[in-house]
Every structure is written in C-alpha cells, then in structure tokens.
C-alpha cells in the first residue's frame, strides 16, 4: 500500500476515520506499509487541518463539518484514477453536444479529454477548466462569470446563476464532495450547491463523475437527490449496495478499474 503519496495516504486516512469513527496508529501503519512515526506525523497534520481529532494511540472523527480540501490538495488525491475517470466521462460526450461542465479537479480531467471533440460548446464555472479548453481550436468555451472563489478556482453567485438561464444544454457533467443513498449529492460550499442545482434543473442529461471515496460521505449542502442523475462514472470501489440501488433506479454505471 506504500504506493500512495503523502497526500493520497492522508486522504485515505480521513476517509477511514469518517467511515469507522476511529483509527489506530498500529493498524494504519500496517495498512499503508509505513512506520508508526510517519502515521503519527500524518495524524498531526490532519488534526491541524481539523480533518480529524488526535486521540491516544490514533485518531477519531471530527464531529464538526469536515474542512474542504483546497483545489491543489484535491488534485493530488488519486490523480491517476481521476485521469481515468475523466477519460471515461469524456467518452460519453458526442461531437455537437452543448455541455455544462462543473468546476473541480476530476472534471478538469474531463476537460483534458475533450480537446479533440468537434462542434462542442462547453460552459463552465471552473476557471481552471476554461484554461484547459482554451487550448483547443475545436471547442467553444463559455464561462458563467460571477464571483471567483480562489480556493477552488470556481465562479459562483447571482451573476453565475443568471448566465445559465439563457441557454439550453443537453448534458451536464457534475463533480461532488459527497454521495449518499439518503442525502443524495452534496457539496461543502452553499453558493456552489445553489449553482449546481440550477445546472441539474436545466440540463437534459445529468452525468456525475466521482471516485469511490465520496460514497457514504455527506457534505452540508444538498445539490439534489440521486433520482435526478442519469449516469454515474466512478471506479470499481463503489459499494455493492450503491451499485444495486442505482441500477434499480435506472442509473447507468460506467466503472473504471481502481488499482490504488
């Protein structure tokens, strides 16, 4: 398991802590194949970031709302997997589509795989995504405008929401912070949740792209219930109960192999 870099390992430690409620230094050391000194350093870093709380011999879940990772931190987590997810999601986009592409690091990987599409219009609230697509001669790029949230390089607010009302989009590719069978799709930032809800409302087809670490996670702000989505692009780490529930609901699953 020592194939993970430091940020990836720490992200996995946070996920395990949230899932189990508490973790021990000895168990984490064995799981990741690193020394207990390294694990203690990880836990100290994560405690400082308020992503968990240090305890004797390990750590426990932070009962307060988990701090949102920055764009740079998110981009470093599961980077190889995100590239594969981006390619899989981009394969669902056809030449001639009018596409809404949500901000985020996984959706940025979608953008990288859209560069050769023809007659494609992409509107995004992600400054990083617009920057990627600006290098393509065959993709028309539109920004929502609005207030720039520098932490995530995403636009939000009334101007961004207003811009969506003037166009028709046949597809939306949406990233999320949390994916839960009961809570639905969720995100950490209220204004972004509002914008995402509008995106879901106006798009003919909703495609969600996320790695499996987001399952059983609930951020504070709800985007929409799961019944609003049409396709889910994720990895083979998806819990079986999620796969069964979503397929029963008619959601088409597109899975990439998770090797990490």
Protein backbone atom coordinates (compact mmCIF):
# COMPACT_ATOMS: atom_id res chain seq x y z
CA UNK A 1 0.00 0.00 0.00
CA UNK A 2 3.09 2.19 0.10
CA UNK A 3 2.34 3.20 -3.48
CA UNK A 4 0.31 6.16 -2.23
CA UNK A 5 1.99 9.52 -1.89
CA UNK A 6 1.65 11.50 1.32
CA UNK A 7 -1.49 13.45 0.36
CA UNK A 8 -3.20 10.35 -1.06
CA UNK A 9 -2.41 8.42 2.14
CA UNK A 10 -3.72 11.23 4.31
CA UNK A 11 -6.89 11.46 2.23
CA UNK A 12 -7.43 7.73 2.73
CA UNK A 13 -6.82 8.09 6.48
CA UNK A 14 -9.54 10.77 6.64
CA UNK A 15 -11.93 8.52 4.70
CA UNK A 16 -11.24 5.56 7.01
CA UNK A 17 -11.68 7.72 10.11
CA UNK A 18 -15.02 9.04 8.87
CA UNK A 19 -16.13 5.53 7.92
CA UNK A 20 -15.03 3.77 11.14
CA UNK A 21 -15.28 6.58 13.67
CA UNK A 22 -11.75 5.95 14.93
CA UNK A 23 -8.44 4.54 13.72
CA UNK A 24 -5.26 3.35 15.43
CA UNK A 25 -1.65 4.17 14.61
CA UNK A 26 -0.66 0.50 14.55
CA UNK A 27 -3.46 -0.50 12.16
CA UNK A 28 -2.74 2.40 9.81
CA UNK A 29 0.99 1.62 9.84
CA UNK A 30 0.29 -1.98 8.80
CA UNK A 31 -2.31 -0.96 6.21
CA UNK A 32 -0.12 1.55 4.39
CA UNK A 33 3.24 -0.14 4.92
CA UNK A 34 4.86 2.89 6.56
CA UNK A 35 6.31 3.45 10.03
CA UNK A 36 4.24 4.47 13.04
CA UNK A 37 6.31 7.67 13.17
CA UNK A 38 5.07 8.52 9.67
CA UNK A 39 1.47 7.78 10.63
CA UNK A 40 1.74 9.97 13.75
CA UNK A 41 3.05 12.77 11.55
CA UNK A 42 0.08 12.26 9.17
CA UNK A 43 -2.37 12.39 12.07
CA UNK A 44 -0.76 15.54 13.47
CA UNK A 45 -1.07 17.22 10.07
CA UNK A 46 -4.70 16.15 9.65
CA UNK A 47 -5.55 17.24 13.20
CA UNK A 48 -4.04 20.66 12.50
CA UNK A 49 -6.24 20.91 9.38
CA UNK A 50 -9.25 19.86 11.53
CA UNK A 51 -9.96 16.86 9.31
CA UNK A 52 -9.84 14.53 12.34
CA UNK A 53 -9.02 14.69 16.05
CA UNK A 54 -5.91 13.07 17.54
CA UNK A 55 -6.53 10.62 20.35
CA UNK A 56 -4.41 8.26 22.41
CA UNK A 57 -2.92 5.73 20.02
CA UNK A 58 -4.74 7.03 16.96
CA UNK A 59 -7.46 9.44 15.92
CA UNK A 60 -11.24 9.88 15.98
CA UNK A 61 -13.63 11.51 13.56
CA UNK A 62 -14.07 15.26 13.74
CA UNK A 63 -17.76 15.68 14.56
CA UNK A 64 -17.77 19.19 13.08
CA UNK A 65 -18.17 19.67 9.37
CA UNK A 66 -15.03 18.37 7.67
CA UNK A 67 -12.86 21.13 6.25
CA UNK A 68 -12.97 21.31 2.49
CA UNK A 69 -9.70 20.46 0.76
CA UNK A 70 -8.16 23.08 -1.49
CA UNK A 71 -8.06 22.57 -5.26
CA UNK A 72 -4.36 21.73 -5.06
CA UNK A 73 -4.91 19.13 -2.33
CA UNK A 74 -7.83 17.60 -4.19
CA UNK A 75 -5.85 17.46 -7.41
CA UNK A 76 -3.10 15.45 -5.72
CA UNK A 77 -5.52 12.81 -4.41
CA UNK A 78 -5.97 9.74 -6.64
CA UNK A 79 -4.52 11.65 -9.60
CA UNK A 80 -4.08 8.59 -11.85
CA UNK A 81 -7.59 7.41 -11.09
CA UNK A 82 -9.02 10.86 -11.79
CA UNK A 83 -7.40 10.84 -15.22
CA UNK A 84 -9.13 7.54 -16.00
CA UNK A 85 -12.45 8.85 -14.69
CA UNK A 86 -12.02 11.97 -16.81
CA UNK A 87 -11.43 9.89 -19.92
CA UNK A 88 -14.46 7.70 -19.19
CA UNK A 89 -16.74 10.70 -18.66
CA UNK A 90 -15.44 12.44 -21.79
CA UNK A 91 -16.25 9.33 -23.83
CA UNK A 92 -19.94 9.98 -23.09
CA UNK A 93 -19.75 13.37 -24.80
CA UNK A 94 -20.53 13.45 -28.53
CA UNK A 95 -19.48 15.94 -31.18
CA UNK A 96 -22.13 18.64 -31.34
CA UNK A 97 -23.08 18.45 -27.65
CA UNK A 98 -23.89 21.57 -25.67
CA UNK A 99 -22.22 20.74 -22.38
CA UNK A 100 -22.22 22.14 -18.86
CA UNK A 101 -19.01 21.17 -17.06
CA UNK A 102 -18.83 21.71 -13.32
CA UNK A 103 -15.71 23.02 -11.58
CA UNK A 104 -13.32 20.64 -9.82
CA UNK A 105 -10.24 18.51 -10.28
CA UNK A 106 -11.93 15.40 -11.66
CA UNK A 107 -13.95 17.49 -14.11
CA UNK A 108 -10.71 19.21 -15.10
CA UNK A 109 -9.52 15.78 -16.24
CA UNK A 110 -12.72 15.50 -18.30
CA UNK A 111 -11.74 18.77 -19.98
CA UNK A 112 -8.32 17.40 -20.91
CA UNK A 113 -10.05 14.54 -22.74
CA UNK A 114 -12.43 16.83 -24.65
CA UNK A 115 -9.71 18.63 -26.57
CA UNK A 116 -10.23 16.75 -29.84
CA UNK A 117 -14.04 16.94 -29.92
CA UNK A 118 -15.64 18.85 -32.80
CA UNK A 119 -18.51 21.36 -32.77
CA UNK A 120 -18.58 21.29 -28.99
CA UNK A 121 -19.78 24.13 -26.77
CA UNK A 122 -18.74 23.92 -23.12
CA UNK A 123 -19.94 26.30 -20.43
CA UNK A 124 -18.17 26.01 -17.10
CA UNK A 125 -17.91 27.73 -13.74
CA UNK A 126 -14.32 26.49 -13.38
CA UNK A 127 -11.53 28.90 -14.28
CA UNK A 128 -9.04 26.02 -14.42
CA UNK A 129 -11.33 24.13 -16.82
CA UNK A 130 -11.75 27.13 -19.12
CA UNK A 131 -7.98 27.49 -19.17
CA UNK A 132 -7.55 23.87 -20.29
CA UNK A 133 -10.20 24.08 -23.01
CA UNK A 134 -8.91 27.43 -24.29
CA UNK A 135 -6.07 25.49 -25.93
CA UNK A 136 -8.48 23.64 -28.23
CA UNK A 137 -9.38 25.16 -31.60
CA UNK A 138 -12.50 22.99 -31.94
CA UNK A 139 -14.19 23.60 -28.58
CA UNK A 140 -16.11 26.81 -27.93
CA UNK A 141 -15.65 27.84 -24.30
CA UNK A 142 -18.04 29.89 -22.20
CA UNK A 143 -17.61 31.00 -18.57
CA UNK A 144 -20.54 31.55 -16.24
CA UNK A 145 -18.88 34.61 -14.77
CA UNK A 146 -19.67 35.67 -11.22
CA UNK A 147 -17.53 35.89 -8.10
CA UNK A 148 -14.33 33.84 -8.17
CA UNK A 149 -13.76 31.51 -5.26
CA UNK A 150 -9.97 31.27 -5.31
CA UNK A 151 -9.82 28.18 -3.11
CA UNK A 152 -11.50 26.11 -5.81
CA UNK A 153 -10.99 28.37 -8.85
CA UNK A 154 -14.77 28.33 -9.34
CA UNK A 155 -17.28 31.07 -10.05
CA UNK A 156 -20.49 31.44 -8.05
CA UNK A 157 -23.20 33.92 -7.14
CA UNK A 158 -26.15 35.62 -8.80
CA UNK A 159 -24.26 36.55 -11.97
CA UNK A 160 -23.19 32.94 -12.49
CA UNK A 161 -26.72 31.67 -11.86
CA UNK A 162 -28.23 34.26 -14.19
CA UNK A 163 -25.92 33.26 -17.04
CA UNK A 164 -27.30 29.71 -17.07
CA UNK A 165 -30.84 30.80 -17.86
CA UNK A 166 -30.08 31.99 -21.39
CA UNK A 167 -29.00 28.65 -22.88
CA UNK A 168 -30.02 25.03 -23.45
CA UNK A 169 -27.63 22.24 -22.51
CA UNK A 170 -28.14 18.61 -23.40
CA UNK A 171 -25.56 17.30 -20.91
CA UNK A 172 -24.13 18.21 -17.52
CA UNK A 173 -21.01 16.61 -16.08
CA UNK A 174 -21.04 17.21 -12.34
CA UNK A 175 -18.50 16.56 -9.60
CA UNK A 176 -19.50 16.18 -5.94
CA UNK A 177 -17.99 16.21 -2.45
CA UNK A 178 -20.46 13.70 -1.04
CA UNK A 179 -22.58 10.89 -2.49
CA UNK A 180 -25.04 9.22 -0.13
CA UNK A 181 -28.06 6.99 -0.77
CA UNK A 182 -30.24 9.05 1.59
CA UNK A 183 -28.72 12.54 1.46
CA UNK A 184 -28.10 12.46 -2.29
CA UNK A 185 -25.43 14.63 -3.92
CA UNK A 186 -23.82 17.16 -1.61
CA UNK A 187 -21.05 19.77 -1.57
CA UNK A 188 -19.25 21.87 1.05
CA UNK A 189 -19.99 25.35 -0.29
CA UNK A 190 -23.54 26.72 -0.15
CA UNK A 191 -23.28 29.07 -3.15
CA UNK A 192 -21.82 26.31 -5.30
CA UNK A 193 -24.67 24.00 -4.29
CA UNK A 194 -27.15 26.64 -5.49
CA UNK A 195 -25.40 26.89 -8.85
CA UNK A 196 -25.17 23.11 -9.18
CA UNK A 197 -28.91 22.78 -8.52
CA UNK A 198 -29.60 25.15 -11.41
CA UNK A 199 -27.26 23.12 -13.63
CA UNK A 200 -29.17 19.94 -12.79
CA UNK A 201 -32.50 21.64 -13.49
CA UNK A 202 -31.62 22.93 -16.96
CA UNK A 203 -29.59 20.00 -18.35
CA UNK A 204 -31.34 17.25 -20.29
CA UNK A 205 -28.93 14.57 -19.04
CA UNK A 206 -27.00 14.60 -15.75
CA UNK A 207 -23.72 12.71 -15.60
CA UNK A 208 -21.98 12.52 -12.21
CA UNK A 209 -18.26 11.74 -12.11
CA UNK A 210 -16.59 10.89 -8.80
CA UNK A 211 -14.14 8.45 -7.28
CA UNK A 212 -15.49 5.91 -4.79
CA UNK A 213 -14.07 7.73 -1.74
CA UNK A 214 -17.08 10.08 -1.97
CA UNK A 215 -19.62 7.32 -1.26
CA UNK A 216 -21.15 7.33 2.23
CA UNK A 217 -19.95 10.93 2.58
CA UNK A 218 -22.32 13.80 3.36
CA UNK A 219 -21.25 17.39 2.88
CA UNK A 220 -23.50 20.01 4.45
CA UNK A 221 -25.23 21.44 1.38
CA UNK A 222 -27.53 19.31 -0.76
CA UNK A 223 -27.39 19.58 -4.55
CA UNK A 224 -30.10 17.11 -5.48
CA UNK A 225 -31.46 13.61 -4.76
CA UNK A 226 -29.95 10.66 -6.61
CA UNK A 227 -33.09 10.18 -8.70
CA UNK A 228 -32.10 13.27 -10.71
CA UNK A 229 -28.98 11.67 -12.21
CA UNK A 230 -28.87 9.57 -15.39
CA UNK A 231 -25.30 8.26 -15.48
CA UNK A 232 -22.58 7.72 -12.89
CA UNK A 233 -18.91 7.47 -13.80
CA UNK A 234 -16.91 6.03 -10.90
CA UNK A 235 -14.47 3.26 -10.05
CA UNK A 236 -14.81 -0.37 -9.01
CA UNK A 237 -14.51 0.63 -5.35
CA UNK A 238 -18.22 1.55 -5.37
CA UNK A 239 -20.02 -0.32 -2.55
CA UNK A 240 -22.23 -3.11 -3.88
CA UNK A 241 -25.34 -1.72 -2.20
CA UNK A 242 -24.83 1.55 -4.10
CA UNK A 243 -24.40 -0.25 -7.41
CA UNK A 244 -27.56 -2.28 -6.85
CA UNK A 245 -29.65 0.68 -5.68
CA UNK A 246 -28.57 2.91 -8.56
CA UNK A 247 -29.07 0.23 -11.22
CA UNK A 248 -32.54 -0.47 -9.81
CA UNK A 249 -33.24 3.25 -10.13
CA UNK A 250 -32.21 3.17 -13.78
CA UNK A 251 -28.88 4.97 -13.43
CA UNK A 252 -26.31 3.73 -15.95
CA UNK A 253 -23.00 2.90 -14.27
CA UNK A 254 -19.67 3.37 -16.02
CA UNK A 255 -16.88 1.82 -13.94
CA UNK A 256 -13.12 2.13 -14.30
CA UNK A 257 -10.74 -0.25 -12.57
CA UNK A 258 -9.40 1.02 -9.27
CA UNK A 259 -5.82 -0.14 -8.77
CA UNK A 260 -4.83 2.05 -5.80
